[in-house]
Every structure is written in structure tokens, then in C-alpha cells.
Amino acid sequence: MNVQFKKGVLELCVLVLLDKQDRYGYELVQKISDQISISEGSVYPLLRRLTKEGYFTTYLKESTEGPSRKYYQLTEVGRSYLHDLLQEWKDFTKGVNQLIKEGVKDE
């Protein structure tokens, strides 16, 4: 898949996953990787930036499988941002899909 496609949608994927439940970084990487091929290194800078911008808070939680894990929790500001992004995504994909429908000849 085109790298630019992935970069553009990764933020939305992270926000959507955190809207449902708090998750730690590697869990987010695994969940996204189930659907889209991404590198682990692309998620952590995004998590740091979005936390700094106030869209997430973090907390440590004990793990039965090693050291404590840093969990990310969506804030109300983050939730509002997510809903704005979702609307932009719907408008964007609707427009792209319409252009594809008009431009690609079915065989």
C-alpha cells in the first residue's frame, strides 16, 4: 500500500481504537497491523505528539507479563478531534469514491 496513504490514516486509526478502550502502544501497533501493514516505529512518535497536543492522557498499569505498561486514554478534546476527523474522512472518501466511479471503466 502507498506509504502516504498509511501516514494519512494512521492518526485516525489510533484515535478510533482508543475511543473504544484504553490501550498500550504495542497493543495499538498489533491491532492496526492486523488490518494495515505498518512499522512499529511509526506509531510511537504519533502517540507522543497526540499526547502533547492534549488528545490523550497516559497512565501506568501493572502487567503480568513483565514491566508496567503505559496506557493511552482518549481525552474529551481527543474525542472531539476524532469526531471532526471522522467527518473529514467520510467527506474525503465519498469524494474519492465518486471520482473512481466516474473515472474507472468497469470491465
N, C-alpha and C. Protein backbone atom coordinates (compact mmCIF):
# COMPACT_ATOMS: atom_id res chain seq x y z
N MET A 1 0.84 -1.18 0.00
CA MET A 1 0.00 0.00 0.00
C MET A 1 0.88 1.24 0.00
N ASN A 2 0.44 2.26 -0.63
CA ASN A 2 1.15 3.52 -0.71
C ASN A 2 1.45 4.06 0.69
N VAL A 3 2.70 4.39 0.95
CA VAL A 3 3.15 4.86 2.27
C VAL A 3 2.40 6.13 2.68
N GLN A 4 2.15 7.01 1.75
CA GLN A 4 1.44 8.25 2.08
C GLN A 4 0.00 7.99 2.51
N PHE A 5 -0.64 6.97 1.92
CA PHE A 5 -1.98 6.59 2.36
C PHE A 5 -1.94 6.21 3.83
N LYS A 6 -0.97 5.37 4.18
CA LYS A 6 -0.85 4.87 5.55
C LYS A 6 -0.59 6.00 6.53
N LYS A 7 0.34 6.89 6.19
CA LYS A 7 0.66 8.01 7.08
C LYS A 7 -0.57 8.85 7.35
N GLY A 8 -1.34 9.08 6.32
CA GLY A 8 -2.51 9.94 6.47
C GLY A 8 -3.62 9.34 7.31
N VAL A 9 -3.71 8.03 7.34
CA VAL A 9 -4.82 7.39 8.03
C VAL A 9 -4.43 6.84 9.41
N LEU A 10 -3.15 6.76 9.70
CA LEU A 10 -2.69 6.18 10.95
C LEU A 10 -3.23 6.92 12.18
N GLU A 11 -3.22 8.23 12.13
CA GLU A 11 -3.74 9.04 13.23
C GLU A 11 -5.21 8.70 13.51
N LEU A 12 -5.99 8.61 12.45
CA LEU A 12 -7.40 8.27 12.60
C LEU A 12 -7.56 6.87 13.20
N CYS A 13 -6.77 5.92 12.76
CA CYS A 13 -6.85 4.55 13.29
C CYS A 13 -6.55 4.51 14.78
N VAL A 14 -5.51 5.22 15.20
CA VAL A 14 -5.15 5.25 16.62
C VAL A 14 -6.29 5.87 17.44
N LEU A 15 -6.82 6.97 16.99
CA LEU A 15 -7.91 7.64 17.71
C LEU A 15 -9.14 6.76 17.82
N VAL A 16 -9.49 6.10 16.73
CA VAL A 16 -10.67 5.22 16.72
C VAL A 16 -10.50 4.08 17.73
N LEU A 17 -9.32 3.47 17.73
CA LEU A 17 -9.07 2.36 18.65
C LEU A 17 -9.11 2.80 20.11
N LEU A 18 -8.63 4.00 20.38
CA LEU A 18 -8.64 4.49 21.76
C LEU A 18 -10.01 5.02 22.18
N ASP A 19 -10.88 5.28 21.25
CA ASP A 19 -12.24 5.70 21.59
C ASP A 19 -12.99 4.55 22.26
N LYS A 20 -12.70 3.33 21.84
CA LYS A 20 -13.39 2.15 22.37
C LYS A 20 -12.85 1.75 23.74
N GLN A 21 -11.51 1.78 23.89
CA GLN A 21 -10.90 1.39 25.16
C GLN A 21 -9.47 1.89 25.23
N ASP A 22 -8.97 2.02 26.46
CA ASP A 22 -7.57 2.40 26.66
C ASP A 22 -6.69 1.26 26.17
N ARG A 23 -5.55 1.61 25.60
CA ARG A 23 -4.63 0.59 25.09
C ARG A 23 -3.19 1.06 25.30
N TYR A 24 -2.27 0.12 25.31
CA TYR A 24 -0.85 0.46 25.37
C TYR A 24 -0.29 0.43 23.96
N GLY A 25 0.89 1.03 23.78
CA GLY A 25 1.45 1.25 22.45
C GLY A 25 1.55 0.01 21.60
N TYR A 26 2.15 -1.06 22.14
CA TYR A 26 2.35 -2.26 21.33
C TYR A 26 1.01 -2.89 20.95
N GLU A 27 0.04 -2.79 21.82
CA GLU A 27 -1.31 -3.30 21.52
C GLU A 27 -1.92 -2.55 20.34
N LEU A 28 -1.72 -1.24 20.30
CA LEU A 28 -2.19 -0.44 19.17
C LEU A 28 -1.51 -0.87 17.87
N VAL A 29 -0.20 -1.05 17.95
CA VAL A 29 0.56 -1.49 16.77
C VAL A 29 0.00 -2.81 16.26
N GLN A 30 -0.21 -3.77 17.15
CA GLN A 30 -0.71 -5.09 16.76
C GLN A 30 -2.10 -5.00 16.14
N LYS A 31 -2.97 -4.22 16.77
CA LYS A 31 -4.36 -4.10 16.29
C LYS A 31 -4.39 -3.47 14.89
N ILE A 32 -3.59 -2.43 14.69
CA ILE A 32 -3.56 -1.77 13.38
C ILE A 32 -2.91 -2.70 12.35
N SER A 33 -1.84 -3.39 12.76
CA SER A 33 -1.13 -4.30 11.85
C SER A 33 -1.99 -5.46 11.38
N ASP A 34 -3.03 -5.79 12.14
CA ASP A 34 -3.97 -6.83 11.71
C ASP A 34 -4.68 -6.43 10.41
N GLN A 35 -4.80 -5.12 10.18
CA GLN A 35 -5.54 -4.62 9.02
C GLN A 35 -4.64 -3.95 7.98
N ILE A 36 -3.61 -3.25 8.46
CA ILE A 36 -2.74 -2.46 7.59
C ILE A 36 -1.29 -2.77 7.97
N SER A 37 -0.46 -2.99 7.00
CA SER A 37 0.95 -3.24 7.27
C SER A 37 1.64 -1.93 7.67
N ILE A 38 2.06 -1.85 8.94
CA ILE A 38 2.76 -0.65 9.43
C ILE A 38 4.00 -1.08 10.20
N SER A 39 4.90 -0.14 10.39
CA SER A 39 6.07 -0.42 11.23
C SER A 39 5.77 0.08 12.63
N GLU A 40 6.29 -0.64 13.60
CA GLU A 40 6.07 -0.28 15.00
C GLU A 40 6.56 1.14 15.27
N GLY A 41 7.65 1.51 14.63
CA GLY A 41 8.24 2.82 14.85
C GLY A 41 7.40 3.99 14.37
N SER A 42 6.38 3.74 13.59
CA SER A 42 5.55 4.85 13.10
C SER A 42 4.48 5.26 14.10
N VAL A 43 4.16 4.39 15.04
CA VAL A 43 3.07 4.68 15.98
C VAL A 43 3.54 5.50 17.18
N TYR A 44 4.71 5.18 17.72
CA TYR A 44 5.15 5.84 18.95
C TYR A 44 5.36 7.35 18.82
N PRO A 45 5.97 7.85 17.75
CA PRO A 45 6.06 9.31 17.60
C PRO A 45 4.67 9.97 17.52
N LEU A 46 3.74 9.29 16.88
CA LEU A 46 2.37 9.79 16.77
C LEU A 46 1.72 9.85 18.16
N LEU A 47 1.91 8.80 18.96
CA LEU A 47 1.36 8.79 20.32
C LEU A 47 1.94 9.93 21.16
N ARG A 48 3.24 10.16 21.04
CA ARG A 48 3.87 11.26 21.79
C ARG A 48 3.29 12.62 21.37
N ARG A 49 3.16 12.80 20.06
CA ARG A 49 2.64 14.09 19.56
C ARG A 49 1.20 14.31 20.01
N LEU A 50 0.36 13.30 19.86
CA LEU A 50 -1.06 13.45 20.22
C LEU A 50 -1.25 13.63 21.72
N THR A 51 -0.37 13.02 22.52
CA THR A 51 -0.42 13.22 23.97
C THR A 51 -0.04 14.66 24.29
N LYS A 52 1.02 15.14 23.66
CA LYS A 52 1.49 16.51 23.88
C LYS A 52 0.42 17.52 23.48
N GLU A 53 -0.36 17.19 22.45
CA GLU A 53 -1.42 18.09 21.98
C GLU A 53 -2.69 17.99 22.82
N GLY A 54 -2.69 17.11 23.82
CA GLY A 54 -3.82 17.02 24.75
C GLY A 54 -4.93 16.07 24.34
N TYR A 55 -4.70 15.26 23.32
CA TYR A 55 -5.73 14.33 22.87
C TYR A 55 -5.77 13.04 23.69
N PHE A 56 -4.66 12.74 24.37
CA PHE A 56 -4.57 11.56 25.24
C PHE A 56 -4.01 11.95 26.58
N THR A 57 -4.32 11.14 27.58
CA THR A 57 -3.58 11.13 28.83
C THR A 57 -2.96 9.74 28.92
N THR A 58 -1.98 9.58 29.79
CA THR A 58 -1.33 8.28 29.94
C THR A 58 -1.32 7.89 31.41
N TYR A 59 -1.24 6.59 31.63
CA TYR A 59 -1.08 6.07 32.99
C TYR A 59 -0.38 4.72 32.89
N LEU A 60 0.29 4.34 33.97
CA LEU A 60 0.98 3.05 34.02
C LEU A 60 0.07 2.02 34.67
N LYS A 61 0.14 0.81 34.14
CA LYS A 61 -0.66 -0.29 34.67
C LYS A 61 0.23 -1.52 34.77
N GLU A 62 0.17 -2.19 35.89
CA GLU A 62 0.96 -3.40 36.09
C GLU A 62 0.62 -4.44 35.03
N SER A 63 1.63 -5.20 34.63
CA SER A 63 1.43 -6.27 33.65
C SER A 63 1.86 -7.59 34.28
N THR A 64 1.14 -8.64 33.96
CA THR A 64 1.51 -9.97 34.45
C THR A 64 2.64 -10.55 33.61
N GLU A 65 2.96 -9.89 32.50
CA GLU A 65 3.95 -10.41 31.56
C GLU A 65 5.21 -9.55 31.48
N GLY A 66 5.55 -8.85 32.55
CA GLY A 66 6.75 -8.04 32.53
C GLY A 66 6.55 -6.71 33.23
N PRO A 67 7.27 -5.68 32.77
CA PRO A 67 7.17 -4.37 33.43
C PRO A 67 5.80 -3.71 33.21
N SER A 68 5.55 -2.67 33.97
CA SER A 68 4.31 -1.90 33.81
C SER A 68 4.22 -1.36 32.39
N ARG A 69 3.00 -1.21 31.92
CA ARG A 69 2.77 -0.70 30.57
C ARG A 69 2.14 0.69 30.63
N LYS A 70 2.53 1.53 29.68
CA LYS A 70 1.95 2.86 29.57
C LYS A 70 0.69 2.76 28.70
N TYR A 71 -0.44 3.07 29.30
CA TYR A 71 -1.71 3.05 28.59
C TYR A 71 -2.07 4.47 28.15
N TYR A 72 -2.73 4.55 27.01
CA TYR A 72 -3.20 5.81 26.47
C TYR A 72 -4.71 5.86 26.58
N GLN A 73 -5.19 7.01 27.04
CA GLN A 73 -6.64 7.20 27.22
C GLN A 73 -7.05 8.47 26.48
N LEU A 74 -8.09 8.36 25.69
CA LEU A 74 -8.59 9.49 24.92
C LEU A 74 -9.23 10.52 25.86
N THR A 75 -8.88 11.78 25.70
CA THR A 75 -9.50 12.86 26.48
C THR A 75 -10.76 13.34 25.75
N GLU A 76 -11.51 14.21 26.39
CA GLU A 76 -12.69 14.78 25.72
C GLU A 76 -12.27 15.62 24.52
N VAL A 77 -11.14 16.31 24.64
CA VAL A 77 -10.60 17.07 23.50
C VAL A 77 -10.26 16.11 22.37
N GLY A 78 -9.66 14.97 22.71
CA GLY A 78 -9.32 13.95 21.72
C GLY A 78 -10.54 13.36 21.06
N ARG A 79 -11.57 13.15 21.86
CA ARG A 79 -12.82 12.58 21.33
C ARG A 79 -13.47 13.55 20.34
N SER A 80 -13.45 14.83 20.67
CA SER A 80 -13.99 15.85 19.77
C SER A 80 -13.18 15.90 18.47
N TYR A 81 -11.85 15.84 18.61
CA TYR A 81 -10.96 15.83 17.45
C TYR A 81 -11.24 14.60 16.58
N LEU A 82 -11.44 13.45 17.22
CA LEU A 82 -11.76 12.22 16.49
C LEU A 82 -13.03 12.40 15.66
N HIS A 83 -14.05 12.97 16.25
CA HIS A 83 -15.31 13.13 15.52
C HIS A 83 -15.16 14.09 14.34
N ASP A 84 -14.34 15.12 14.52
CA ASP A 84 -14.05 16.03 13.40
C ASP A 84 -13.31 15.28 12.29
N LEU A 85 -12.29 14.48 12.67
CA LEU A 85 -11.54 13.71 11.67
C LEU A 85 -12.43 12.69 10.96
N LEU A 86 -13.31 12.05 11.70
CA LEU A 86 -14.21 11.07 11.08
C LEU A 86 -15.09 11.73 10.02
N GLN A 87 -15.58 12.93 10.31
CA GLN A 87 -16.41 13.63 9.32
C GLN A 87 -15.58 13.99 8.10
N GLU A 88 -14.35 14.47 8.33
CA GLU A 88 -13.46 14.77 7.21
C GLU A 88 -13.19 13.52 6.38
N TRP A 89 -12.96 12.38 7.06
CA TRP A 89 -12.68 11.12 6.38
C TRP A 89 -13.88 10.70 5.52
N LYS A 90 -15.08 10.80 6.07
CA LYS A 90 -16.28 10.42 5.32
C LYS A 90 -16.45 11.29 4.09
N ASP A 91 -16.26 12.59 4.25
CA ASP A 91 -16.38 13.51 3.11
C ASP A 91 -15.30 13.21 2.05
N PHE A 92 -14.08 12.99 2.53
CA PHE A 92 -12.96 12.71 1.63
C PHE A 92 -13.18 11.42 0.85
N THR A 93 -13.51 10.33 1.55
CA THR A 93 -13.68 9.05 0.87
C THR A 93 -14.90 9.06 -0.05
N LYS A 94 -15.92 9.80 0.31
CA LYS A 94 -17.09 9.92 -0.57
C LYS A 94 -16.68 10.58 -1.89
N GLY A 95 -15.89 11.65 -1.79
CA GLY A 95 -15.42 12.34 -2.99
C GLY A 95 -14.51 11.48 -3.84
N VAL A 96 -13.56 10.79 -3.20
CA VAL A 96 -12.65 9.92 -3.94
C VAL A 96 -13.42 8.78 -4.59
N ASN A 97 -14.32 8.16 -3.85
CA ASN A 97 -15.10 7.06 -4.42
C ASN A 97 -15.95 7.51 -5.60
N GLN A 98 -16.47 8.73 -5.52
CA GLN A 98 -17.26 9.25 -6.64
C GLN A 98 -16.38 9.45 -7.87
N LEU A 99 -15.18 9.98 -7.67
CA LEU A 99 -14.25 10.15 -8.80
C LEU A 99 -13.85 8.81 -9.40
N ILE A 100 -13.62 7.82 -8.56
CA ILE A 100 -13.28 6.48 -9.06
C ILE A 100 -14.44 5.92 -9.86
N LYS A 101 -15.63 6.08 -9.35
CA LYS A 101 -16.83 5.58 -10.04
C LYS A 101 -16.98 6.23 -11.42
N GLU A 102 -16.70 7.52 -11.49
CA GLU A 102 -16.84 8.25 -12.75
C GLU A 102 -15.68 7.97 -13.70
N GLY A 103 -14.50 7.69 -13.14
CA GLY A 103 -13.31 7.61 -13.97
C GLY A 103 -12.85 6.24 -14.38
N VAL A 104 -13.22 5.22 -13.63
CA VAL A 104 -12.73 3.88 -13.93
C VAL A 104 -13.82 3.11 -14.68
N LYS A 105 -13.42 2.60 -15.84
CA LYS A 105 -14.38 1.82 -16.63
C LYS A 105 -14.45 0.40 -16.08
N ASP A 106 -15.64 -0.06 -15.79
CA ASP A 106 -15.83 -1.44 -15.37
C ASP A 106 -15.69 -2.35 -16.56
N GLU A 107 -15.03 -3.45 -16.35
CA GLU A 107 -14.84 -4.38 -17.48
C GLU A 107 -15.75 -5.56 -17.37
